[in-house]
Amino acid sequence: MVARFGNLVEDVYKLSTEEKQELKFLIDKYLLEERRDEIYKNYQESMKELRAGKMRFSHDLDKLKKSLA
């Protein structure tokens, strides 16, 4: 894996500026998609917990702080 990554870094270094910019654009896009997927999975898990009655809501700041401790 390390050798492959090193080769990849060398290959990227050899790319033209335009190709590097396109690669950066694609990597940024892929990272955003992964983050969106992670947020959606967290949402789904939260909804399961809400339906199961595992979540409690409160406007009392002291209770919220205690629940986090």
C-alpha atoms as a PDB file:
ATOM      1  CA  MET A   1       0.000   0.000   0.000  1.00  0.00           C
ATOM      2  CA  VAL A   2       2.775   2.454   0.903  1.00  0.00           C
ATOM      3  CA  ALA A   3       4.647   1.703  -2.315  1.00  0.00           C
ATOM      4  CA  ARG A   4       1.469   2.136  -4.367  1.00  0.00           C
ATOM      5  CA  PHE A   5       0.746   5.436  -2.635  1.00  0.00           C
ATOM      6  CA  GLY A   6       4.288   6.617  -3.278  1.00  0.00           C
ATOM      7  CA  ASN A   7       3.938   5.706  -6.944  1.00  0.00           C
ATOM      8  CA  LEU A   8       0.645   7.545  -7.090  1.00  0.00           C
ATOM      9  CA  VAL A   9       2.193  10.666  -5.581  1.00  0.00           C
ATOM     10  CA  GLU A  10       5.004  10.526  -8.139  1.00  0.00           C
ATOM     11  CA  ASP A  11       2.498  10.098 -10.963  1.00  0.00           C
ATOM     12  CA  VAL A  12       0.469  13.075  -9.753  1.00  0.00           C
ATOM     13  CA  TYR A  13       3.637  15.158  -9.587  1.00  0.00           C
ATOM     14  CA  LYS A  14       4.248  14.431 -13.275  1.00  0.00           C
ATOM     15  CA  LEU A  15       0.792  15.625 -14.353  1.00  0.00           C
ATOM     16  CA  SER A  16       0.253  18.948 -16.062  1.00  0.00           C
ATOM     17  CA  THR A  17      -1.199  21.832 -14.090  1.00  0.00           C
ATOM     18  CA  GLU A  18      -4.573  21.373 -15.768  1.00  0.00           C
ATOM     19  CA  GLU A  19      -4.612  17.669 -14.952  1.00  0.00           C
ATOM     20  CA  LYS A  20      -3.698  18.394 -11.333  1.00  0.00           C
ATOM     21  CA  GLN A  21      -6.519  20.921 -11.103  1.00  0.00           C
ATOM     22  CA  GLU A  22      -8.978  18.405 -12.541  1.00  0.00           C
ATOM     23  CA  LEU A  23      -7.738  15.750 -10.116  1.00  0.00           C
ATOM     24  CA  LYS A  24      -8.132  18.182  -7.216  1.00  0.00           C
ATOM     25  CA  PHE A  25     -11.669  18.970  -8.360  1.00  0.00           C
ATOM     26  CA  LEU A  26     -12.522  15.263  -8.497  1.00  0.00           C
ATOM     27  CA  ILE A  27     -10.978  14.530  -5.093  1.00  0.00           C
ATOM     28  CA  ASP A  28     -12.875  17.440  -3.530  1.00  0.00           C
ATOM     29  CA  LYS A  29     -16.084  16.158  -5.136  1.00  0.00           C
ATOM     30  CA  TYR A  30     -15.484  12.602  -3.864  1.00  0.00           C
ATOM     31  CA  LEU A  31     -14.722  13.861  -0.356  1.00  0.00           C
ATOM     32  CA  LEU A  32     -17.955  15.865  -0.333  1.00  0.00           C
ATOM     33  CA  GLU A  33     -19.923  12.809  -1.467  1.00  0.00           C
ATOM     34  CA  GLU A  34     -18.352  10.695   1.270  1.00  0.00           C
ATOM     35  CA  ARG A  35     -19.171  13.338   3.888  1.00  0.00           C
ATOM     36  CA  ARG A  36     -22.780  13.529   2.662  1.00  0.00           C
ATOM     37  CA  ASP A  37     -23.042   9.750   2.911  1.00  0.00           C
ATOM     38  CA  GLU A  38     -21.661   9.876   6.452  1.00  0.00           C
ATOM     39  CA  ILE A  39     -24.144  12.596   7.459  1.00  0.00           C
ATOM     40  CA  TYR A  40     -27.011  10.589   5.942  1.00  0.00           C
ATOM     41  CA  LYS A  41     -25.961   7.426   7.795  1.00  0.00           C
ATOM     42  CA  ASN A  42     -25.811   9.394  11.040  1.00  0.00           C
ATOM     43  CA  TYR A  43     -29.279  10.755  10.312  1.00  0.00           C
ATOM     44  CA  GLN A  44     -30.612   7.258   9.697  1.00  0.00           C
ATOM     45  CA  GLU A  45     -29.087   6.006  12.960  1.00  0.00           C
ATOM     46  CA  SER A  46     -30.548   8.961  14.837  1.00  0.00           C
ATOM     47  CA  MET A  47     -33.977   8.258  13.404  1.00  0.00           C
ATOM     48  CA  LYS A  48     -33.720   4.615  14.540  1.00  0.00           C
ATOM     49  CA  GLU A  49     -32.824   5.780  18.039  1.00  0.00           C
ATOM     50  CA  LEU A  50     -35.695   8.276  18.023  1.00  0.00           C
ATOM     51  CA  ARG A  51     -38.206   5.599  16.959  1.00  0.00           C
ATOM     52  CA  ALA A  52     -36.829   3.222  19.583  1.00  0.00           C
ATOM     53  CA  GLY A  53     -37.311   5.869  22.267  1.00  0.00           C
ATOM     54  CA  LYS A  54     -33.603   6.094  23.014  1.00  0.00           C
ATOM     55  CA  MET A  55     -33.470   9.866  22.418  1.00  0.00           C
ATOM     56  CA  ARG A  56     -34.618  12.454  24.881  1.00  0.00           C
ATOM     57  CA  PHE A  57     -35.160  16.102  24.126  1.00  0.00           C
ATOM     58  CA  SER A  58     -34.898  18.879  26.659  1.00  0.00           C
ATOM     59  CA  HIS A  59     -34.709  22.636  26.768  1.00  0.00           C
ATOM     60  CA  ASP A  60     -33.088  22.501  30.191  1.00  0.00           C
ATOM     61  CA  LEU A  61     -29.387  23.239  29.683  1.00  0.00           C
ATOM     62  CA  ASP A  62     -28.380  21.642  32.982  1.00  0.00           C
ATOM     63  CA  LYS A  63     -30.104  18.366  32.048  1.00  0.00           C
ATOM     64  CA  LEU A  64     -28.412  18.417  28.669  1.00  0.00           C
ATOM     65  CA  LYS A  65     -25.003  18.927  30.230  1.00  0.00           C
ATOM     66  CA  LYS A  66     -25.614  16.052  32.671  1.00  0.00           C
ATOM     67  CA  SER A  67     -26.717  13.748  29.851  1.00  0.00           C
ATOM     68  CA  LEU A  68     -23.414  14.363  28.073  1.00  0.00           C
ATOM     69  CA  ALA A  69     -21.281  13.623  31.137  1.00  0.00           C
END
